[in-house]
Amino acid sequence: MSDSPPPTASTVAAGALRLACEERGRGDALVLVAGGAMDMDQWAAQIDAFAPAHRVIRFDQRGVGHSDGPPTGYTIQQMATDTLALITTLNAAPCVLFGTSLGGSVALEAALQSPTSLRGLVLAATSAGPTGPQMAPDTQTAMFRASALPLQEAAEAAQDFVFASDYPRRHPDVLQRAIAKRESNTGPLIATLGPLQSLAAYHPLPRLATLTVPTLILHGAEDRMVPSGNADLLAQHIPHATLTLVPNAGHGLVMESADTVNAAVRDFIDSL
């Protein structure tokens, strides 16, 4: 059994906002940044895996869960500033910052804004920007059709392009919990649309040559939402980055391939 203290969930100051967060464990900090409109529950497998040896911090971004939902400010740059403010409030620097999907872009921008706040960067299922490989037209059509469905049906339809495996069928409780939390979320609509609009225009590649933070890039080989060529492009532009392509995994690799992902992240942290 771990001697880590029990998890504590609270809201803490991050600049002008208060963000809902949970931390568990002791030691060097690992800060987890969830994907767009996803809450901290996305990281259940990571907080369980890393808390015995690390101080693990996960949180809800602005407009998600119990975090503040201001009417403006839903850009990659602002959410990176929020993340850095949270790291400062919690005295967690220098940390390993681990983001997935849109959260990967937020983590990448945080590394560019304040590299001294990080000792390592992990990017999972992260876009290389508008010049990177784009989502296939059939996936775009499927996502558009799903977005028009009632929440339960939309969530069920989304499984087919988020995951490459039968993870949702093996973990039906995860889907139902996510639906229940989404239904209770009173965040403004801009909290969903704003980050996606910002991500579509976010173009980090020209600045990546200046990034000195050790970086691990993880990507599902079967990712339909952010094709794996994005990982190749990021690895080409980030000095000395390490790329691990996870077989039989899709966009939701931090959940469906958690054991493989966690092993790669553990090896990366141990190498720092």
C-alpha atoms as a PDB file:
ATOM      1  CA  MET A   1       0.000   0.000   0.000  1.00  0.00           C
ATOM      2  CA  SER A   2       1.100   3.568  -0.667  1.00  0.00           C
ATOM      3  CA  ASP A   3       1.857   5.887   2.236  1.00  0.00           C
ATOM      4  CA  SER A   4       0.625   8.849   0.174  1.00  0.00           C
ATOM      5  CA  PRO A   5      -1.941  11.070   1.905  1.00  0.00           C
ATOM      6  CA  PRO A   6      -5.556  10.790   0.745  1.00  0.00           C
ATOM      7  CA  PRO A   7      -6.546  13.004  -2.184  1.00  0.00           C
ATOM      8  CA  THR A   8      -7.731  16.515  -1.434  1.00  0.00           C
ATOM      9  CA  ALA A   9     -10.018  18.340  -3.852  1.00  0.00           C
ATOM     10  CA  SER A  10     -10.354  22.092  -3.579  1.00  0.00           C
ATOM     11  CA  THR A  11     -10.503  25.302  -5.564  1.00  0.00           C
ATOM     12  CA  VAL A  12      -7.311  27.335  -5.616  1.00  0.00           C
ATOM     13  CA  ALA A  13      -6.310  30.712  -6.982  1.00  0.00           C
ATOM     14  CA  ALA A  14      -4.785  30.818 -10.459  1.00  0.00           C
ATOM     15  CA  GLY A  15      -4.347  34.456 -11.297  1.00  0.00           C
ATOM     16  CA  ALA A  16      -7.767  36.092 -11.253  1.00  0.00           C
ATOM     17  CA  LEU A  17      -9.565  32.723 -11.336  1.00  0.00           C
ATOM     18  CA  ARG A  18     -10.189  29.891  -8.972  1.00  0.00           C
ATOM     19  CA  LEU A  19      -9.606  26.456 -10.499  1.00  0.00           C
ATOM     20  CA  ALA A  20     -10.820  23.148  -9.114  1.00  0.00           C
ATOM     21  CA  CYS A  21      -7.908  20.805  -8.509  1.00  0.00           C
ATOM     22  CA  GLU A  22      -6.922  17.643  -6.700  1.00  0.00           C
ATOM     23  CA  GLU A  23      -3.471  16.631  -5.571  1.00  0.00           C
ATOM     24  CA  ARG A  24      -2.138  13.412  -4.166  1.00  0.00           C
ATOM     25  CA  GLY A  25       1.254  12.072  -3.171  1.00  0.00           C
ATOM     26  CA  ARG A  26       4.595  13.651  -2.354  1.00  0.00           C
ATOM     27  CA  GLY A  27       7.797  14.392  -4.215  1.00  0.00           C
ATOM     28  CA  ASP A  28       8.513  16.072  -7.539  1.00  0.00           C
ATOM     29  CA  ALA A  29       5.339  17.463  -9.086  1.00  0.00           C
ATOM     30  CA  LEU A  30       3.556  16.001 -12.107  1.00  0.00           C
ATOM     31  CA  VAL A  31       0.844  18.388 -13.331  1.00  0.00           C
ATOM     32  CA  LEU A  32      -1.863  17.007 -15.639  1.00  0.00           C
ATOM     33  CA  VAL A  33      -3.716  19.140 -18.205  1.00  0.00           C
ATOM     34  CA  ALA A  34      -6.896  17.565 -19.604  1.00  0.00           C
ATOM     35  CA  GLY A  35      -8.239  17.786 -23.136  1.00  0.00           C
ATOM     36  CA  GLY A  36     -10.809  20.274 -24.374  1.00  0.00           C
ATOM     37  CA  ALA A  37     -13.986  20.447 -22.265  1.00  0.00           C
ATOM     38  CA  MET A  38     -12.803  17.357 -20.341  1.00  0.00           C
ATOM     39  CA  ASP A  39     -12.506  17.463 -16.579  1.00  0.00           C
ATOM     40  CA  MET A  40      -9.836  16.072 -14.276  1.00  0.00           C
ATOM     41  CA  ASP A  41     -11.469  12.609 -14.187  1.00  0.00           C
ATOM     42  CA  GLN A  42      -9.716  11.948 -17.504  1.00  0.00           C
ATOM     43  CA  TRP A  43      -6.544  11.374 -15.468  1.00  0.00           C
ATOM     44  CA  ALA A  44      -7.818   8.675 -13.089  1.00  0.00           C
ATOM     45  CA  ALA A  45      -5.294   6.085 -14.288  1.00  0.00           C
ATOM     46  CA  GLN A  46      -2.391   8.520 -14.070  1.00  0.00           C
ATOM     47  CA  ILE A  47      -3.077   9.861 -10.587  1.00  0.00           C
ATOM     48  CA  ASP A  48      -3.366   6.302  -9.286  1.00  0.00           C
ATOM     49  CA  ALA A  49      -0.166   5.211 -11.038  1.00  0.00           C
ATOM     50  CA  PHE A  50       2.086   8.131 -10.121  1.00  0.00           C
ATOM     51  CA  ALA A  51       0.910   9.251  -6.679  1.00  0.00           C
ATOM     52  CA  PRO A  52       2.916   6.591  -4.804  1.00  0.00           C
ATOM     53  CA  ALA A  53       6.179   8.251  -5.927  1.00  0.00           C
ATOM     54  CA  HIS A  54       5.221  11.775  -7.037  1.00  0.00           C
ATOM     55  CA  ARG A  55       3.099  14.754  -6.114  1.00  0.00           C
ATOM     56  CA  VAL A  56       0.379  14.524  -8.773  1.00  0.00           C
ATOM     57  CA  ILE A  57      -1.833  17.520  -9.499  1.00  0.00           C
ATOM     58  CA  ARG A  58      -4.834  17.447 -11.802  1.00  0.00           C
ATOM     59  CA  PHE A  59      -7.301  20.252 -12.356  1.00  0.00           C
ATOM     60  CA  ASP A  60     -10.281  21.519 -14.323  1.00  0.00           C
ATOM     61  CA  GLN A  61      -9.520  24.306 -16.776  1.00  0.00           C
ATOM     62  CA  ARG A  62     -11.555  27.519 -16.839  1.00  0.00           C
ATOM     63  CA  GLY A  63     -15.214  26.909 -17.632  1.00  0.00           C
ATOM     64  CA  VAL A  64     -15.013  23.192 -16.777  1.00  0.00           C
ATOM     65  CA  GLY A  65     -16.363  21.389 -13.705  1.00  0.00           C
ATOM     66  CA  HIS A  66     -16.170  23.487 -10.558  1.00  0.00           C
ATOM     67  CA  SER A  67     -13.606  25.948 -11.914  1.00  0.00           C
ATOM     68  CA  ASP A  68     -14.579  29.545 -12.592  1.00  0.00           C
ATOM     69  CA  GLY A  69     -16.183  30.151 -15.980  1.00  0.00           C
ATOM     70  CA  PRO A  70     -15.538  33.743 -17.027  1.00  0.00           C
ATOM     71  CA  PRO A  71     -17.267  35.059 -20.171  1.00  0.00           C
ATOM     72  CA  THR A  72     -13.976  35.568 -22.067  1.00  0.00           C
ATOM     73  CA  GLY A  73     -10.390  34.340 -22.225  1.00  0.00           C
ATOM     74  CA  TYR A  74     -10.743  30.858 -23.719  1.00  0.00           C
ATOM     75  CA  THR A  75      -7.551  30.812 -25.762  1.00  0.00           C
ATOM     76  CA  ILE A  76      -4.618  28.420 -25.685  1.00  0.00           C
ATOM     77  CA  GLN A  77      -2.408  31.278 -24.517  1.00  0.00           C
ATOM     78  CA  GLN A  78      -4.712  32.281 -21.651  1.00  0.00           C
ATOM     79  CA  MET A  79      -5.218  28.708 -20.479  1.00  0.00           C
ATOM     80  CA  ALA A  80      -1.437  28.242 -20.465  1.00  0.00           C
ATOM     81  CA  THR A  81      -1.185  31.350 -18.294  1.00  0.00           C
ATOM     82  CA  ASP A  82      -3.837  29.851 -15.989  1.00  0.00           C
ATOM     83  CA  THR A  83      -1.809  26.648 -15.741  1.00  0.00           C
ATOM     84  CA  LEU A  84       1.377  28.505 -14.870  1.00  0.00           C
ATOM     85  CA  ALA A  85      -0.495  30.569 -12.279  1.00  0.00           C
ATOM     86  CA  LEU A  86      -1.786  27.360 -10.692  1.00  0.00           C
ATOM     87  CA  ILE A  87       1.737  25.911 -10.620  1.00  0.00           C
ATOM     88  CA  THR A  88       2.931  29.074  -8.870  1.00  0.00           C
ATOM     89  CA  THR A  89       0.097  29.048  -6.327  1.00  0.00           C
ATOM     90  CA  LEU A  90       0.800  25.422  -5.450  1.00  0.00           C
ATOM     91  CA  ASN A  91       4.577  25.979  -5.351  1.00  0.00           C
ATOM     92  CA  ALA A  92       4.924  23.096  -7.808  1.00  0.00           C
ATOM     93  CA  ALA A  93       7.718  24.438 -10.025  1.00  0.00           C
ATOM     94  CA  PRO A  94       9.741  23.070 -11.604  1.00  0.00           C
ATOM     95  CA  CYS A  95       7.302  20.316 -12.524  1.00  0.00           C
ATOM     96  CA  VAL A  96       6.732  17.787 -15.266  1.00  0.00           C
ATOM     97  CA  LEU A  97       3.755  19.092 -17.233  1.00  0.00           C
ATOM     98  CA  PHE A  98       1.688  16.446 -19.025  1.00  0.00           C
ATOM     99  CA  GLY A  99      -1.095  17.511 -21.387  1.00  0.00           C
ATOM    100  CA  THR A 100      -3.305  15.565 -23.746  1.00  0.00           C
ATOM    101  CA  SER A 101      -5.186  16.722 -26.851  1.00  0.00           C
ATOM    102  CA  LEU A 102      -6.046  20.420 -26.431  1.00  0.00           C
ATOM    103  CA  GLY A 103      -4.395  20.159 -23.015  1.00  0.00           C
ATOM    104  CA  GLY A 104      -1.201  19.203 -24.830  1.00  0.00           C
ATOM    105  CA  SER A 105      -1.295  22.480 -26.734  1.00  0.00           C
ATOM    106  CA  VAL A 106      -1.893  24.310 -23.449  1.00  0.00           C
ATOM    107  CA  ALA A 107       1.083  22.512 -21.876  1.00  0.00           C
ATOM    108  CA  LEU A 108       3.251  23.277 -24.905  1.00  0.00           C
ATOM    109  CA  GLU A 109       2.351  26.962 -24.745  1.00  0.00           C
ATOM    110  CA  ALA A 110       3.081  26.999 -20.999  1.00  0.00           C
ATOM    111  CA  ALA A 111       6.539  25.569 -21.729  1.00  0.00           C
ATOM    112  CA  LEU A 112       7.126  28.289 -24.307  1.00  0.00           C
ATOM    113  CA  GLN A 113       5.893  31.019 -21.955  1.00  0.00           C
ATOM    114  CA  SER A 114       7.859  29.898 -18.894  1.00  0.00           C
ATOM    115  CA  PRO A 115      10.410  27.130 -19.532  1.00  0.00           C
ATOM    116  CA  THR A 116      11.959  27.561 -16.068  1.00  0.00           C
ATOM    117  CA  SER A 117       8.647  26.434 -14.520  1.00  0.00           C
ATOM    118  CA  LEU A 118       9.109  22.993 -16.076  1.00  0.00           C
ATOM    119  CA  ARG A 119      11.702  20.273 -15.797  1.00  0.00           C
ATOM    120  CA  GLY A 120       9.935  18.085 -18.325  1.00  0.00           C
ATOM    121  CA  LEU A 121       7.088  18.212 -20.852  1.00  0.00           C
ATOM    122  CA  VAL A 122       4.850  15.358 -21.998  1.00  0.00           C
ATOM    123  CA  LEU A 123       2.554  15.869 -25.000  1.00  0.00           C
ATOM    124  CA  ALA A 124      -0.091  13.250 -25.816  1.00  0.00           C
ATOM    125  CA  ALA A 125      -2.398  13.315 -28.852  1.00  0.00           C
ATOM    126  CA  THR A 126      -1.285  16.887 -29.506  1.00  0.00           C
ATOM    127  CA  SER A 127      -1.805  18.870 -32.701  1.00  0.00           C
ATOM    128  CA  ALA A 128       1.137  20.441 -34.522  1.00  0.00           C
ATOM    129  CA  GLY A 129      -1.115  23.263 -35.712  1.00  0.00           C
ATOM    130  CA  PRO A 130      -2.780  24.200 -38.997  1.00  0.00           C
ATOM    131  CA  THR A 131       0.157  22.993 -41.103  1.00  0.00           C
ATOM    132  CA  GLY A 132       0.012  19.515 -39.567  1.00  0.00           C
ATOM    133  CA  PRO A 133      -2.012  16.554 -40.901  1.00  0.00           C
ATOM    134  CA  GLN A 134      -5.715  17.264 -40.465  1.00  0.00           C
ATOM    135  CA  MET A 135      -8.659  15.125 -39.477  1.00  0.00           C
ATOM    136  CA  ALA A 136     -10.048  13.019 -42.316  1.00  0.00           C
ATOM    137  CA  PRO A 137     -13.322  14.277 -43.868  1.00  0.00           C
ATOM    138  CA  ASP A 138     -15.282  11.211 -42.756  1.00  0.00           C
ATOM    139  CA  THR A 139     -14.244  11.774 -39.142  1.00  0.00           C
ATOM    140  CA  GLN A 140     -15.196  15.443 -39.390  1.00  0.00           C
ATOM    141  CA  THR A 141     -18.615  14.419 -40.691  1.00  0.00           C
ATOM    142  CA  ALA A 142     -19.071  11.874 -37.900  1.00  0.00           C
ATOM    143  CA  MET A 143     -18.133  14.445 -35.252  1.00  0.00           C
ATOM    144  CA  PHE A 144     -20.495  17.032 -36.735  1.00  0.00           C
ATOM    145  CA  ARG A 145     -23.379  14.568 -36.746  1.00  0.00           C
ATOM    146  CA  ALA A 146     -22.626  13.475 -33.177  1.00  0.00           C
ATOM    147  CA  SER A 147     -22.585  17.085 -31.961  1.00  0.00           C
ATOM    148  CA  ALA A 148     -26.222  17.476 -33.024  1.00  0.00           C
ATOM    149  CA  LEU A 149     -27.417  14.518 -30.938  1.00  0.00           C
ATOM    150  CA  PRO A 150     -28.689  14.562 -27.356  1.00  0.00           C
ATOM    151  CA  LEU A 151     -25.830  14.294 -24.851  1.00  0.00           C
ATOM    152  CA  GLN A 152     -26.158  10.555 -24.127  1.00  0.00           C
ATOM    153  CA  GLU A 153     -26.315   9.641 -27.810  1.00  0.00           C
ATOM    154  CA  ALA A 154     -23.559  12.102 -28.715  1.00  0.00           C
ATOM    155  CA  ALA A 155     -21.231  10.606 -26.100  1.00  0.00           C
ATOM    156  CA  GLU A 156     -21.916   7.094 -27.327  1.00  0.00           C
ATOM    157  CA  ALA A 157     -21.300   8.095 -30.950  1.00  0.00           C
ATOM    158  CA  ALA A 158     -18.061   9.888 -30.048  1.00  0.00           C
ATOM    159  CA  GLN A 159     -16.536   6.688 -28.681  1.00  0.00           C
ATOM    160  CA  ASP A 160     -15.965   5.408 -32.199  1.00  0.00           C
ATOM    161  CA  PHE A 161     -13.596   8.225 -33.141  1.00  0.00           C
ATOM    162  CA  VAL A 162     -12.059   8.895 -29.711  1.00  0.00           C
ATOM    163  CA  PHE A 163     -11.005   5.319 -28.960  1.00  0.00           C
ATOM    164  CA  ALA A 164      -9.444   2.628 -31.126  1.00  0.00           C
ATOM    165  CA  SER A 165     -10.271  -0.195 -28.711  1.00  0.00           C
ATOM    166  CA  ASP A 166     -13.295  -1.456 -26.785  1.00  0.00           C
ATOM    167  CA  TYR A 167     -12.316   0.643 -23.759  1.00  0.00           C
ATOM    168  CA  PRO A 168     -15.764   2.319 -23.468  1.00  0.00           C
ATOM    169  CA  ARG A 169     -17.521  -1.031 -23.439  1.00  0.00           C
ATOM    170  CA  ARG A 170     -15.164  -2.345 -20.768  1.00  0.00           C
ATOM    171  CA  HIS A 171     -15.621   0.802 -18.671  1.00  0.00           C
ATOM    172  CA  PRO A 172     -19.259   1.936 -19.108  1.00  0.00           C
ATOM    173  CA  ASP A 173     -19.106   3.694 -15.739  1.00  0.00           C
ATOM    174  CA  VAL A 174     -16.573   6.169 -17.130  1.00  0.00           C
ATOM    175  CA  LEU A 175     -18.966   7.287 -19.861  1.00  0.00           C
ATOM    176  CA  GLN A 176     -21.925   7.618 -17.521  1.00  0.00           C
ATOM    177  CA  ARG A 177     -19.925   9.599 -14.970  1.00  0.00           C
ATOM    178  CA  ALA A 178     -18.670  11.944 -17.693  1.00  0.00           C
ATOM    179  CA  ILE A 179     -22.220  12.482 -18.972  1.00  0.00           C
ATOM    180  CA  ALA A 180     -23.525  13.213 -15.481  1.00  0.00           C
ATOM    181  CA  LYS A 181     -20.771  15.746 -14.815  1.00  0.00           C
ATOM    182  CA  ARG A 182     -21.256  17.400 -18.214  1.00  0.00           C
ATOM    183  CA  GLU A 183     -24.994  17.754 -17.548  1.00  0.00           C
ATOM    184  CA  SER A 184     -24.277  19.455 -14.224  1.00  0.00           C
ATOM    185  CA  ASN A 185     -21.633  21.795 -15.658  1.00  0.00           C
ATOM    186  CA  THR A 186     -22.942  25.347 -15.835  1.00  0.00           C
ATOM    187  CA  GLY A 187     -19.941  26.746 -17.704  1.00  0.00           C
ATOM    188  CA  PRO A 188     -20.645  29.140 -20.591  1.00  0.00           C
ATOM    189  CA  LEU A 189     -20.863  27.824 -24.160  1.00  0.00           C
ATOM    190  CA  ILE A 190     -17.690  29.758 -24.980  1.00  0.00           C
ATOM    191  CA  ALA A 191     -15.838  27.379 -22.637  1.00  0.00           C
ATOM    192  CA  THR A 192     -16.404  24.641 -25.216  1.00  0.00           C
ATOM    193  CA  LEU A 193     -16.260  26.599 -28.459  1.00  0.00           C
ATOM    194  CA  GLY A 194     -13.566  29.132 -27.566  1.00  0.00           C
ATOM    195  CA  PRO A 195     -10.707  26.690 -26.951  1.00  0.00           C
ATOM    196  CA  LEU A 196     -11.521  24.768 -30.143  1.00  0.00           C
ATOM    197  CA  GLN A 197     -11.501  27.967 -32.178  1.00  0.00           C
ATOM    198  CA  SER A 198      -8.221  29.010 -30.583  1.00  0.00           C
ATOM    199  CA  LEU A 199      -6.691  25.592 -31.202  1.00  0.00           C
ATOM    200  CA  ALA A 200      -7.585  25.750 -34.901  1.00  0.00           C
ATOM    201  CA  ALA A 201      -5.480  28.907 -35.215  1.00  0.00           C
ATOM    202  CA  TYR A 202      -2.694  27.942 -32.801  1.00  0.00           C
ATOM    203  CA  HIS A 203       0.569  27.583 -34.724  1.00  0.00           C
ATOM    204  CA  PRO A 204       3.468  26.666 -32.416  1.00  0.00           C
ATOM    205  CA  LEU A 205       5.945  25.260 -34.945  1.00  0.00           C
ATOM    206  CA  PRO A 206       7.881  28.486 -35.675  1.00  0.00           C
ATOM    207  CA  ARG A 207       8.755  28.838 -31.967  1.00  0.00           C
ATOM    208  CA  LEU A 208       9.612  25.239 -31.127  1.00  0.00           C
ATOM    209  CA  ALA A 209      13.312  25.490 -32.010  1.00  0.00           C
ATOM    210  CA  THR A 210      13.709  27.662 -28.898  1.00  0.00           C
ATOM    211  CA  LEU A 211      12.197  25.046 -26.584  1.00  0.00           C
ATOM    212  CA  THR A 212      14.839  23.677 -24.223  1.00  0.00           C
ATOM    213  CA  VAL A 213      12.583  21.654 -21.921  1.00  0.00           C
ATOM    214  CA  PRO A 214      13.115  17.849 -22.248  1.00  0.00           C
ATOM    215  CA  THR A 215      10.054  16.596 -24.115  1.00  0.00           C
ATOM    216  CA  LEU A 216       8.291  13.256 -24.550  1.00  0.00           C
ATOM    217  CA  ILE A 217       5.702  12.993 -27.326  1.00  0.00           C
ATOM    218  CA  LEU A 218       3.094  10.229 -27.129  1.00  0.00           C
ATOM    219  CA  HIS A 219       0.526   9.520 -29.809  1.00  0.00           C
ATOM    220  CA  GLY A 220      -1.971   6.790 -30.623  1.00  0.00           C
ATOM    221  CA  ALA A 221      -1.148   5.083 -33.895  1.00  0.00           C
ATOM    222  CA  GLU A 222      -4.886   4.895 -34.673  1.00  0.00           C
ATOM    223  CA  ASP A 223      -5.776   8.476 -33.698  1.00  0.00           C
ATOM    224  CA  ARG A 224      -8.598   9.624 -35.999  1.00  0.00           C
ATOM    225  CA  MET A 225      -9.002  13.089 -34.480  1.00  0.00           C
ATOM    226  CA  VAL A 226      -5.369  14.230 -34.541  1.00  0.00           C
ATOM    227  CA  PRO A 227      -3.500  12.042 -37.065  1.00  0.00           C
ATOM    228  CA  SER A 228      -0.187  10.673 -35.823  1.00  0.00           C
ATOM    229  CA  GLY A 229       1.729  12.692 -38.411  1.00  0.00           C
ATOM    230  CA  ASN A 230       1.279  15.605 -36.012  1.00  0.00           C
ATOM    231  CA  ALA A 231       3.519  13.820 -33.519  1.00  0.00           C
ATOM    232  CA  ASP A 232       6.182  13.349 -36.176  1.00  0.00           C
ATOM    233  CA  LEU A 233       6.052  17.046 -37.004  1.00  0.00           C
ATOM    234  CA  LEU A 234       6.338  18.098 -33.347  1.00  0.00           C
ATOM    235  CA  ALA A 235       9.282  15.740 -32.860  1.00  0.00           C
ATOM    236  CA  GLN A 236      11.040  17.230 -35.883  1.00  0.00           C
ATOM    237  CA  HIS A 237      10.718  20.765 -34.509  1.00  0.00           C
ATOM    238  CA  ILE A 238      11.327  20.266 -30.760  1.00  0.00           C
ATOM    239  CA  PRO A 239      15.058  19.828 -30.072  1.00  0.00           C
ATOM    240  CA  HIS A 240      15.944  16.370 -28.773  1.00  0.00           C
ATOM    241  CA  ALA A 241      12.303  15.336 -28.303  1.00  0.00           C
ATOM    242  CA  THR A 242      11.511  11.651 -27.830  1.00  0.00           C
ATOM    243  CA  LEU A 243       8.551  10.197 -29.736  1.00  0.00           C
ATOM    244  CA  THR A 244       6.621   7.086 -28.728  1.00  0.00           C
ATOM    245  CA  LEU A 245       3.842   5.874 -31.010  1.00  0.00           C
ATOM    246  CA  VAL A 246       1.364   3.723 -29.064  1.00  0.00           C
ATOM    247  CA  PRO A 247      -0.044   0.854 -31.161  1.00  0.00           C
ATOM    248  CA  ASN A 248      -3.759   0.048 -31.174  1.00  0.00           C
ATOM    249  CA  ALA A 249      -4.584   3.348 -29.470  1.00  0.00           C
ATOM    250  CA  GLY A 250      -6.650   6.309 -30.558  1.00  0.00           C
ATOM    251  CA  HIS A 251      -7.085   9.886 -29.394  1.00  0.00           C
ATOM    252  CA  GLY A 252      -8.023   8.726 -25.902  1.00  0.00           C
ATOM    253  CA  LEU A 253      -4.725   6.896 -25.367  1.00  0.00           C
ATOM    254  CA  VAL A 254      -4.182   8.204 -21.814  1.00  0.00           C
ATOM    255  CA  MET A 255      -7.287   6.224 -20.870  1.00  0.00           C
ATOM    256  CA  GLU A 256      -7.424   3.233 -23.201  1.00  0.00           C
ATOM    257  CA  SER A 257      -3.661   2.549 -23.197  1.00  0.00           C
ATOM    258  CA  ALA A 258      -2.910   3.843 -19.719  1.00  0.00           C
ATOM    259  CA  ASP A 259      -0.414   1.106 -18.819  1.00  0.00           C
ATOM    260  CA  THR A 260       1.716   1.762 -21.917  1.00  0.00           C
ATOM    261  CA  VAL A 261       1.440   5.527 -21.525  1.00  0.00           C
ATOM    262  CA  ASN A 262       2.298   5.439 -17.829  1.00  0.00           C
ATOM    263  CA  ALA A 263       5.318   3.215 -18.397  1.00  0.00           C
ATOM    264  CA  ALA A 264       6.676   5.605 -21.024  1.00  0.00           C
ATOM    265  CA  VAL A 265       6.096   8.633 -18.793  1.00  0.00           C
ATOM    266  CA  ARG A 266       7.707   6.896 -15.817  1.00  0.00           C
ATOM    267  CA  ASP A 267      10.818   6.108 -17.865  1.00  0.00           C
ATOM    268  CA  PHE A 268      10.916   9.706 -19.087  1.00  0.00           C
ATOM    269  CA  ILE A 269      10.646  11.163 -15.574  1.00  0.00           C
ATOM    270  CA  ASP A 270      13.333   8.798 -14.312  1.00  0.00           C
ATOM    271  CA  SER A 271      15.649  10.049 -17.068  1.00  0.00           C
ATOM    272  CA  LEU A 272      15.396  13.717 -16.051  1.00  0.00           C
END
